[in-house]
Amino acid sequence: MSYQPDEAPNNTIINNQVGSDKKLFRKQVDPNTQELINTVIKQGYVILENVFTHDEVDEATQELRRLASEHDTAGPASVGGRNKFEGFRTRRISSLLNKSRVFDKFATNPEVMALNDYFLDPGWLLSLFQSICIQPGEDPQALHHDDGYVTLPRPHRPFGTAIMVSLDAYTETNGSTVVVPGSHEWGPDCVPNRSEAIPIIMPKGSIVYFLGTLWHGGGQNISNNERRALTVQFCQP
């Protein structure tokens, strides 16, 4: 599958006439980024360990605590999901970029942006930014891919990408995100069994980057502690 198809002739003509061809171009890929790209092409995701310091993560955790304590910023999802898929023991605070500048750095990591420059078209957009805190006793989330709204036969190029930032270390027992490696290339009739999913294990302050075509889901939290994370989603322009 090509992740960078040739631009349609009509787009080339229009972009040239309106001047957008001067800014809508793909950047040169450095060796480190190419290694990350190769991993994503192969398995649909890549883990970037220890991207943020503990001080940066603790500042974000403290800010989430403040937002959750105020009615206007917490939002209805801060007390739990509306259904089993969202998770009755999973708390979320949405639109974080609109609520605090503390979170800016988590949405603008250079390695993530470089990956998006490869897997998405120039001019890609940020489409969602929220916290996801899975409480003890939460059930596993149904496996899914994020682009179920796309009415094109699979496999296809991703219409979006996402990252999870670990505010707590991701372990096998605290509800870490689970993924099905290679499932981003599956056809429309393939649905994974839970046994095919593996947990993302990574330290506090790390990132897992994955394509919207990858089958994944929230894990079961059988620990005694909540699992706090940020998720940022990006989409085609």
Protein backbone atom coordinates (compact mmCIF):
# COMPACT_ATOMS: atom_id res chain seq x y z
CA MET A 1 0.00 0.00 0.00
CA SER A 2 1.27 3.48 -0.85
CA TYR A 3 0.95 6.02 1.94
CA GLN A 4 1.98 8.87 -0.38
CA PRO A 5 0.05 8.50 -3.66
CA ASP A 6 0.54 10.91 -6.52
CA GLU A 7 -1.66 13.97 -6.35
CA ALA A 8 -4.65 14.00 -8.67
CA PRO A 9 -4.07 16.21 -11.76
CA ASN A 10 -7.01 18.49 -10.98
CA ASN A 11 -5.61 19.13 -7.48
CA THR A 12 -2.22 20.03 -8.95
CA ILE A 13 -3.80 22.58 -11.29
CA ILE A 14 -5.90 24.20 -8.57
CA ASN A 15 -3.09 24.23 -5.98
CA ASN A 16 -0.77 25.87 -8.52
CA GLN A 17 -3.28 28.60 -9.37
CA VAL A 18 -4.19 29.47 -5.77
CA GLY A 19 -0.59 29.26 -4.57
CA SER A 20 -1.04 26.44 -2.08
CA ASP A 21 1.53 24.33 -3.92
CA LYS A 22 4.18 26.52 -2.31
CA LYS A 23 3.24 25.38 1.21
CA LEU A 24 1.61 21.98 0.65
CA PHE A 25 4.74 19.91 0.19
CA ARG A 26 6.25 16.90 1.93
CA LYS A 27 9.36 17.41 4.01
CA GLN A 28 12.58 15.46 3.69
CA VAL A 29 12.64 12.44 6.02
CA ASP A 30 15.67 12.03 8.30
CA PRO A 31 17.04 8.55 9.19
CA ASN A 32 15.51 8.47 12.68
CA THR A 33 12.07 9.36 11.34
CA GLN A 34 12.43 6.80 8.55
CA GLU A 35 13.06 4.09 11.14
CA LEU A 36 9.87 5.08 12.98
CA ILE A 37 7.96 5.16 9.69
CA ASN A 38 9.16 1.67 8.81
CA THR A 39 7.92 0.36 12.16
CA VAL A 40 4.49 1.93 11.68
CA ILE A 41 4.22 0.57 8.13
CA LYS A 42 5.00 -2.93 9.45
CA GLN A 43 2.89 -3.10 12.61
CA GLY A 44 0.56 -0.07 12.52
CA TYR A 45 2.02 1.61 15.60
CA VAL A 46 5.27 2.63 17.27
CA ILE A 47 6.22 3.37 20.88
CA LEU A 48 8.29 6.46 21.74
CA GLU A 49 9.59 6.00 25.27
CA ASN A 50 10.33 8.75 27.82
CA VAL A 51 9.39 11.64 25.55
CA PHE A 52 8.25 13.90 28.41
CA THR A 53 9.88 14.47 31.79
CA HIS A 54 8.19 13.44 35.02
CA ASP A 55 7.86 17.13 35.91
CA GLU A 56 5.98 17.81 32.65
CA VAL A 57 3.71 14.83 33.22
CA ASP A 58 3.07 15.75 36.86
CA GLU A 59 2.17 19.30 35.81
CA ALA A 60 -0.39 17.89 33.35
CA THR A 61 -1.81 15.54 35.98
CA GLN A 62 -2.19 18.40 38.43
CA GLU A 63 -3.89 20.52 35.77
CA LEU A 64 -6.34 17.71 35.00
CA ARG A 65 -7.15 17.54 38.70
CA ARG A 66 -7.89 21.27 38.69
CA LEU A 67 -10.08 21.06 35.58
CA ALA A 68 -12.01 18.11 37.03
CA SER A 69 -12.79 20.12 40.17
CA GLU A 70 -14.48 22.94 38.25
CA HIS A 71 -17.92 22.33 36.76
CA ASP A 72 -17.41 24.54 33.70
CA THR A 73 -14.22 22.80 32.60
CA ALA A 74 -14.79 19.22 33.74
CA GLY A 75 -17.69 18.35 31.46
CA PRO A 76 -20.17 15.48 31.86
CA ALA A 77 -17.69 12.76 30.83
CA SER A 78 -15.42 13.56 33.79
CA VAL A 79 -17.50 11.28 36.03
CA GLY A 80 -17.72 8.32 33.64
CA GLY A 81 -18.79 7.18 30.19
CA ARG A 82 -22.36 7.06 28.86
CA ASN A 83 -22.19 3.46 27.69
CA LYS A 84 -20.10 0.29 27.80
CA PHE A 85 -17.91 1.36 24.87
CA GLU A 86 -16.97 4.65 26.53
CA GLY A 87 -16.57 2.80 29.83
CA PHE A 88 -18.69 3.40 32.91
CA ARG A 89 -15.48 3.58 34.98
CA THR A 90 -13.55 5.69 32.46
CA ARG A 91 -13.35 9.43 33.03
CA ARG A 92 -12.63 11.95 30.29
CA ILE A 93 -12.07 15.68 29.99
CA SER A 94 -12.43 16.94 26.42
CA SER A 95 -11.12 19.91 24.42
CA LEU A 96 -7.99 20.30 26.52
CA LEU A 97 -6.38 22.81 24.14
CA ASN A 98 -9.31 25.14 24.80
CA LYS A 99 -8.88 24.86 28.57
CA SER A 100 -5.18 25.17 29.39
CA ARG A 101 -1.85 25.95 27.74
CA VAL A 102 -0.21 23.26 29.90
CA PHE A 103 -1.22 20.66 27.33
CA ASP A 104 0.19 22.34 24.20
CA LYS A 105 3.49 20.46 24.28
CA PHE A 106 1.75 17.08 24.18
CA ALA A 107 0.10 17.89 20.85
CA THR A 108 3.18 19.27 19.10
CA ASN A 109 5.87 16.63 19.62
CA PRO A 110 8.30 16.85 16.66
CA GLU A 111 8.49 13.08 16.09
CA VAL A 112 4.70 12.79 16.02
CA MET A 113 4.44 15.70 13.61
CA ALA A 114 7.07 14.13 11.36
CA LEU A 115 5.12 10.85 11.32
CA ASN A 116 1.93 12.72 10.46
CA ASP A 117 3.76 14.49 7.64
CA TYR A 118 4.38 11.06 6.12
CA PHE A 119 1.13 9.19 6.79
CA LEU A 120 -1.29 12.10 6.32
CA ASP A 121 -1.56 14.69 3.56
CA PRO A 122 0.05 18.13 3.93
CA GLY A 123 -2.17 20.38 5.99
CA TRP A 124 -3.36 17.60 8.34
CA LEU A 125 -5.47 18.73 11.28
CA LEU A 126 -5.80 18.10 15.00
CA SER A 127 -9.30 16.70 15.53
CA LEU A 128 -9.50 15.67 19.20
CA PHE A 129 -7.60 16.16 22.45
CA GLN A 130 -8.83 14.67 25.70
CA SER A 131 -7.74 12.89 28.84
CA ILE A 132 -8.74 9.27 29.45
CA CYS A 133 -8.50 8.00 33.02
CA ILE A 134 -9.41 4.32 33.44
CA GLN A 135 -10.48 3.51 36.99
CA PRO A 136 -9.86 0.22 38.84
CA GLY A 137 -12.45 -2.39 37.91
CA GLU A 138 -13.02 -1.10 34.37
CA ASP A 139 -13.84 -3.78 31.79
CA PRO A 140 -11.87 -4.12 28.54
CA GLN A 141 -13.11 -1.89 25.74
CA ALA A 142 -14.33 -3.51 22.52
CA LEU A 143 -11.61 -3.72 19.89
CA HIS A 144 -12.15 -1.22 17.10
CA HIS A 145 -10.41 0.98 14.53
CA ASP A 146 -10.93 4.74 14.59
CA ASP A 147 -11.99 5.20 10.97
CA GLY A 148 -15.15 3.10 10.95
CA TYR A 149 -16.93 6.13 9.52
CA VAL A 150 -14.94 5.84 6.28
CA THR A 151 -17.03 4.17 3.57
CA LEU A 152 -14.09 2.76 1.63
CA PRO A 153 -13.10 -0.90 1.48
CA ARG A 154 -10.23 -1.91 3.73
CA PRO A 155 -7.30 -1.88 3.54
CA HIS A 156 -6.89 1.79 2.66
CA ARG A 157 -4.71 4.76 3.55
CA PRO A 158 -5.39 6.13 7.03
CA PHE A 159 -7.81 9.01 7.32
CA GLY A 160 -6.46 9.72 10.77
CA THR A 161 -3.77 8.95 13.32
CA ALA A 162 -3.65 9.09 17.10
CA ILE A 163 -1.31 9.15 20.05
CA MET A 164 -1.70 8.10 23.66
CA VAL A 165 0.55 9.85 26.19
CA SER A 166 1.10 7.86 29.38
CA LEU A 167 0.64 10.02 32.48
CA ASP A 168 1.07 6.78 34.42
CA ALA A 169 3.23 3.87 33.33
CA TYR A 170 1.31 1.48 31.07
CA THR A 171 1.32 -2.02 32.57
CA GLU A 172 -0.38 -5.32 31.78
CA THR A 173 -2.88 -4.83 34.62
CA ASN A 174 -3.86 -1.14 34.76
CA GLY A 175 -5.88 -0.78 31.57
CA SER A 176 -3.13 -0.03 29.08
CA THR A 177 -4.18 0.33 25.45
CA VAL A 178 -4.10 -2.97 23.57
CA VAL A 179 -3.30 -3.28 19.86
CA VAL A 180 -3.44 -5.96 17.18
CA PRO A 181 -0.13 -5.67 15.31
CA GLY A 182 -0.48 -5.62 11.53
CA SER A 183 -4.27 -5.26 11.61
CA HIS A 184 -4.07 -1.90 9.81
CA GLU A 185 -3.64 -3.93 6.61
CA TRP A 186 -6.58 -6.27 7.18
CA GLY A 187 -9.54 -6.48 4.84
CA PRO A 188 -13.15 -5.63 5.73
CA ASP A 189 -14.10 -9.16 6.82
CA CYS A 190 -11.34 -9.56 9.40
CA VAL A 191 -12.32 -9.00 13.03
CA PRO A 192 -9.72 -9.83 15.70
CA ASN A 193 -10.14 -12.07 18.70
CA ARG A 194 -9.13 -10.59 22.05
CA SER A 195 -6.32 -13.12 22.20
CA GLU A 196 -4.67 -11.42 19.21
CA ALA A 197 -4.37 -8.10 21.05
CA ILE A 198 -1.24 -7.25 23.03
CA PRO A 199 -0.91 -4.55 25.72
CA ILE A 200 1.22 -1.48 25.16
CA ILE A 201 3.84 -1.47 27.92
CA MET A 202 5.66 1.83 28.31
CA PRO A 203 7.01 4.14 31.04
CA LYS A 204 5.35 7.28 32.33
CA GLY A 205 5.86 10.15 29.87
CA SER A 206 5.90 7.97 26.75
CA ILE A 207 3.86 8.02 23.53
CA VAL A 208 2.29 5.29 21.44
CA TYR A 209 1.53 6.49 17.90
CA PHE A 210 -0.85 4.48 15.73
CA LEU A 211 -2.79 4.67 12.49
CA GLY A 212 -6.57 5.06 12.55
CA THR A 213 -6.82 1.80 10.60
CA LEU A 214 -5.24 -0.24 13.43
CA TRP A 215 -7.49 -2.43 15.59
CA HIS A 216 -7.04 -1.42 19.25
CA GLY A 217 -8.95 -0.77 22.46
CA GLY A 218 -8.73 0.14 26.12
CA GLY A 219 -7.51 -2.60 28.42
CA GLN A 220 -9.08 -4.04 31.56
CA ASN A 221 -7.93 -2.37 34.77
CA ILE A 222 -7.52 -5.08 37.39
CA SER A 223 -5.05 -3.03 39.44
CA ASN A 224 -5.79 -0.85 42.45
CA ASN A 225 -4.82 2.37 40.68
CA GLU A 226 -6.29 4.50 37.91
CA ARG A 227 -4.49 4.69 34.58
CA ARG A 228 -4.24 8.28 33.38
CA ALA A 229 -3.42 9.26 29.82
CA LEU A 230 -3.87 11.95 27.19
CA THR A 231 -5.03 11.15 23.68
CA VAL A 232 -4.60 13.37 20.65
CA GLN A 233 -6.16 12.50 17.31
CA PHE A 234 -5.29 13.94 13.91
CA CYS A 235 -7.10 13.73 10.58
CA GLN A 236 -6.67 14.36 6.87
CA PRO A 237 -7.21 17.99 5.80
